[in-house]
Amino acid sequence: MFAASNQLLWSMIGLLLTMGGTFLEAYGITLPWSWSQHGIQTFSLGVTCQIGAVLLVGCLGGQNAGALSQIAYLVMGLTLLPVFSDGGGLGYVRLSQFGYLLGFIPGAWICGFIAFQARPKLESLAFSCLCGLLTVHFCGITYLIISYFFQWQGTEKLSLIQAILKYSWLPIPGQLAVVCAVTVIAYLLRHLMFY
């Protein structure tokens, strides 16, 4: 599909986007029919742009570049570089929510794999992003269950159901809005770059 140099370039872009997206909060704007009364206003979606970066690199660079960028992100974060939202270090592995970060690897791979199975259309890119997002949440919930079984750090504050609600259920609406934005951006860029 892509030459090795292109995959390496996209994986570096994906790494930089993921690191930047970790600390960049996602915002939406009010609906157009309320602009005449209140003007254009922004509001927080309650999530960062991190998941959008993970899915975007899959949609633009393919499965290998997507997975490689996320492997590099995890390696950087686990080797004490402060690229995770709360810093970095090996201690992250024992946090109950670490599974969501682990899920970035298969999530980006699946998103990239599906995104290049057909010509880029909004529907196919949205489907690939949704599959990647569901993969991230599946990995995160599985890791949560394991962490509660072994009583890892963070499990003492919330019940398992509360943790699933906090880390998976509540972020979904904001993440779906980010998926919509990623779909449109990927569609436009894929057509501009003729692939």
Protein backbone atom coordinates (compact mmCIF):
# COMPACT_ATOMS: atom_id res chain seq x y z
CA MET A 1 0.00 0.00 0.00
CA PHE A 2 2.54 2.62 1.17
CA ALA A 3 6.30 2.66 0.89
CA ALA A 4 8.18 2.23 4.15
CA SER A 5 9.28 5.87 4.08
CA ASN A 6 5.65 7.05 3.80
CA GLN A 7 4.60 4.80 6.68
CA LEU A 8 7.45 6.13 8.81
CA LEU A 9 6.46 9.71 7.98
CA TRP A 10 2.81 9.08 8.85
CA SER A 11 3.77 7.31 12.07
CA MET A 12 5.87 10.33 13.13
CA ILE A 13 3.00 12.66 12.26
CA GLY A 14 0.65 10.41 14.24
CA LEU A 15 2.99 10.42 17.23
CA LEU A 16 3.16 14.22 17.24
CA LEU A 17 -0.62 14.56 16.79
CA THR A 18 -1.29 12.12 19.63
CA MET A 19 1.10 13.90 21.98
CA GLY A 20 -0.42 17.27 21.13
CA GLY A 21 -3.98 15.96 21.22
CA THR A 22 -3.45 14.63 24.75
CA PHE A 23 -3.35 18.18 26.08
CA LEU A 24 -5.77 19.83 23.64
CA GLU A 25 -9.40 19.90 24.74
CA ALA A 26 -12.03 19.35 22.05
CA TYR A 27 -14.67 22.06 21.59
CA GLY A 28 -17.89 22.35 19.64
CA ILE A 29 -19.93 25.36 18.56
CA THR A 30 -23.57 26.17 19.13
CA LEU A 31 -26.11 25.29 16.46
CA PRO A 32 -26.47 27.76 13.56
CA TRP A 33 -30.11 28.65 14.28
CA SER A 34 -29.16 30.04 17.69
CA TRP A 35 -26.41 32.30 16.31
CA SER A 36 -28.76 35.21 15.69
CA GLN A 37 -29.84 35.28 19.36
CA HIS A 38 -26.62 34.44 21.19
CA GLY A 39 -23.89 34.61 18.55
CA ILE A 40 -21.44 31.81 17.86
CA GLN A 41 -20.41 30.27 21.16
CA THR A 42 -18.07 27.38 21.92
CA PHE A 43 -18.50 24.68 24.53
CA SER A 44 -16.28 21.88 25.77
CA LEU A 45 -17.02 18.36 24.55
CA GLY A 46 -15.53 16.93 27.75
CA VAL A 47 -12.76 15.04 25.93
CA THR A 48 -9.36 15.79 24.46
CA CYS A 49 -8.34 15.50 20.82
CA GLN A 50 -6.17 12.48 21.63
CA ILE A 51 -8.55 9.83 20.29
CA GLY A 52 -9.06 11.94 17.18
CA ALA A 53 -5.32 11.91 16.50
CA VAL A 54 -5.20 8.13 16.94
CA LEU A 55 -8.00 7.63 14.43
CA LEU A 56 -6.81 10.30 11.99
CA VAL A 57 -3.40 8.71 11.54
CA GLY A 58 -5.11 5.39 10.85
CA CYS A 59 -7.37 7.00 8.22
CA LEU A 60 -4.49 8.82 6.52
CA GLY A 61 -1.46 6.60 7.04
CA GLY A 62 -2.97 3.14 7.14
CA GLN A 63 -2.84 0.34 9.66
CA ASN A 64 0.94 0.02 10.05
CA ALA A 65 1.58 3.74 10.46
CA GLY A 66 -1.33 4.00 12.90
CA ALA A 67 -0.13 1.13 15.08
CA LEU A 68 3.53 2.20 14.92
CA SER A 69 2.71 5.75 15.99
CA GLN A 70 0.82 4.48 19.03
CA ILE A 71 3.53 2.00 19.97
CA ALA A 72 6.01 4.90 19.90
CA TYR A 73 3.61 7.00 22.01
CA LEU A 74 3.33 4.28 24.68
CA VAL A 75 7.08 3.64 24.73
CA MET A 76 7.75 7.36 25.18
CA GLY A 77 5.21 7.63 27.97
CA LEU A 78 6.39 4.52 29.79
CA THR A 79 10.01 5.70 29.70
CA LEU A 80 9.23 8.71 31.87
CA LEU A 81 8.62 11.29 29.15
CA PRO A 82 5.54 13.28 30.26
CA VAL A 83 3.39 12.61 27.18
CA PHE A 84 0.45 11.05 29.04
CA SER A 85 -2.18 13.29 30.59
CA ASP A 86 -0.79 12.73 34.10
CA GLY A 87 2.90 12.50 33.21
CA GLY A 88 4.58 9.22 32.36
CA GLY A 89 6.46 6.25 33.76
CA LEU A 90 6.08 2.51 34.22
CA GLY A 91 3.63 3.09 37.07
CA TYR A 92 0.97 3.82 34.44
CA VAL A 93 0.76 0.08 33.72
CA ARG A 94 -0.82 -0.47 37.14
CA LEU A 95 -3.46 2.23 36.65
CA SER A 96 -6.88 0.81 35.92
CA GLN A 97 -7.39 3.16 32.95
CA PHE A 98 -4.12 2.21 31.21
CA GLY A 99 -6.02 -0.23 28.99
CA TYR A 100 -7.45 2.66 27.00
CA LEU A 101 -3.91 3.77 26.12
CA LEU A 102 -3.05 0.18 25.19
CA GLY A 103 -6.18 0.11 23.06
CA PHE A 104 -4.78 2.90 20.90
CA ILE A 105 -2.52 0.37 19.14
CA PRO A 106 -5.20 -2.07 17.89
CA GLY A 107 -7.67 0.82 17.53
CA ALA A 108 -5.38 2.69 15.13
CA TRP A 109 -4.54 -0.54 13.30
CA ILE A 110 -8.18 -1.53 12.79
CA CYS A 111 -9.15 2.01 11.79
CA GLY A 112 -6.32 2.12 9.25
CA PHE A 113 -7.08 -1.35 7.91
CA ILE A 114 -10.77 -0.61 7.29
CA ALA A 115 -10.10 2.90 5.96
CA PHE A 116 -8.08 1.51 3.05
CA GLN A 117 -10.39 -1.35 2.06
CA ALA A 118 -12.36 0.88 -0.30
CA ARG A 119 -12.16 4.29 -1.93
CA PRO A 120 -12.42 7.06 0.67
CA LYS A 121 -16.07 7.93 1.25
CA LEU A 122 -17.51 9.65 4.29
CA GLU A 123 -19.43 6.50 5.24
CA SER A 124 -16.45 4.15 5.01
CA LEU A 125 -14.14 6.53 6.89
CA ALA A 126 -16.77 7.07 9.61
CA PHE A 127 -17.20 3.30 9.90
CA SER A 128 -13.44 2.78 10.20
CA CYS A 129 -13.24 5.46 12.92
CA LEU A 130 -16.15 3.91 14.83
CA CYS A 131 -14.52 0.48 14.67
CA GLY A 132 -11.26 1.96 15.97
CA LEU A 133 -13.08 3.79 18.77
CA LEU A 134 -14.97 0.64 19.81
CA THR A 135 -11.69 -1.29 19.83
CA VAL A 136 -10.12 1.27 22.17
CA HIS A 137 -13.09 1.01 24.54
CA PHE A 138 -13.15 -2.79 24.37
CA CYS A 139 -9.45 -2.93 25.34
CA GLY A 140 -10.01 -0.33 28.07
CA ILE A 141 -12.96 -2.15 29.63
CA THR A 142 -11.10 -5.49 29.47
CA TYR A 143 -8.12 -3.91 31.26
CA LEU A 144 -10.46 -2.35 33.83
CA ILE A 145 -11.92 -5.76 34.62
CA ILE A 146 -8.42 -7.27 34.99
CA SER A 147 -7.28 -4.36 37.17
CA TYR A 148 -10.26 -4.79 39.48
CA PHE A 149 -9.54 -8.51 39.74
CA PHE A 150 -5.94 -7.78 40.83
CA GLN A 151 -6.88 -4.67 42.89
CA TRP A 152 -4.51 -2.29 41.07
CA GLN A 153 -4.15 1.41 41.77
CA GLY A 154 -7.30 3.40 41.13
CA THR A 155 -9.62 0.48 41.77
CA GLU A 156 -10.22 1.44 45.39
CA LYS A 157 -11.98 4.73 44.58
CA LEU A 158 -14.71 3.57 42.19
CA SER A 159 -16.70 0.42 41.68
CA LEU A 160 -16.16 -1.40 38.38
CA ILE A 161 -19.47 -0.10 37.00
CA GLN A 162 -18.59 3.47 38.04
CA ALA A 163 -15.17 3.13 36.37
CA ILE A 164 -16.74 1.87 33.11
CA LEU A 165 -19.20 4.77 33.21
CA LYS A 166 -16.41 7.29 33.87
CA TYR A 167 -13.90 6.05 31.30
CA SER A 168 -16.16 4.62 28.57
CA TRP A 169 -19.79 5.71 28.76
CA LEU A 170 -19.51 9.40 29.64
CA PRO A 171 -16.79 10.29 27.07
CA ILE A 172 -18.65 8.62 24.17
CA PRO A 173 -20.77 11.63 23.06
CA GLY A 174 -17.74 13.93 22.90
CA GLN A 175 -15.67 11.24 21.21
CA LEU A 176 -18.41 10.69 18.61
CA ALA A 177 -18.28 14.41 17.80
CA VAL A 178 -14.50 14.10 17.41
CA VAL A 179 -15.05 11.07 15.14
CA CYS A 180 -17.29 13.22 12.92
CA ALA A 181 -14.58 15.86 12.65
CA VAL A 182 -11.89 13.24 11.93
CA THR A 183 -14.08 11.69 9.23
CA VAL A 184 -14.49 15.00 7.40
CA ILE A 185 -10.79 15.93 7.76
CA ALA A 186 -9.65 12.50 6.56
CA TYR A 187 -12.07 12.59 3.63
CA LEU A 188 -10.84 16.00 2.50
CA LEU A 189 -7.15 15.18 2.94
CA ARG A 190 -7.42 11.80 1.21
CA HIS A 191 -9.02 13.52 -1.81
CA LEU A 192 -6.50 16.36 -1.79
CA MET A 193 -3.62 13.88 -1.70
CA PHE A 194 -5.23 11.65 -4.37
CA TYR A 195 -5.26 8.36 -2.47
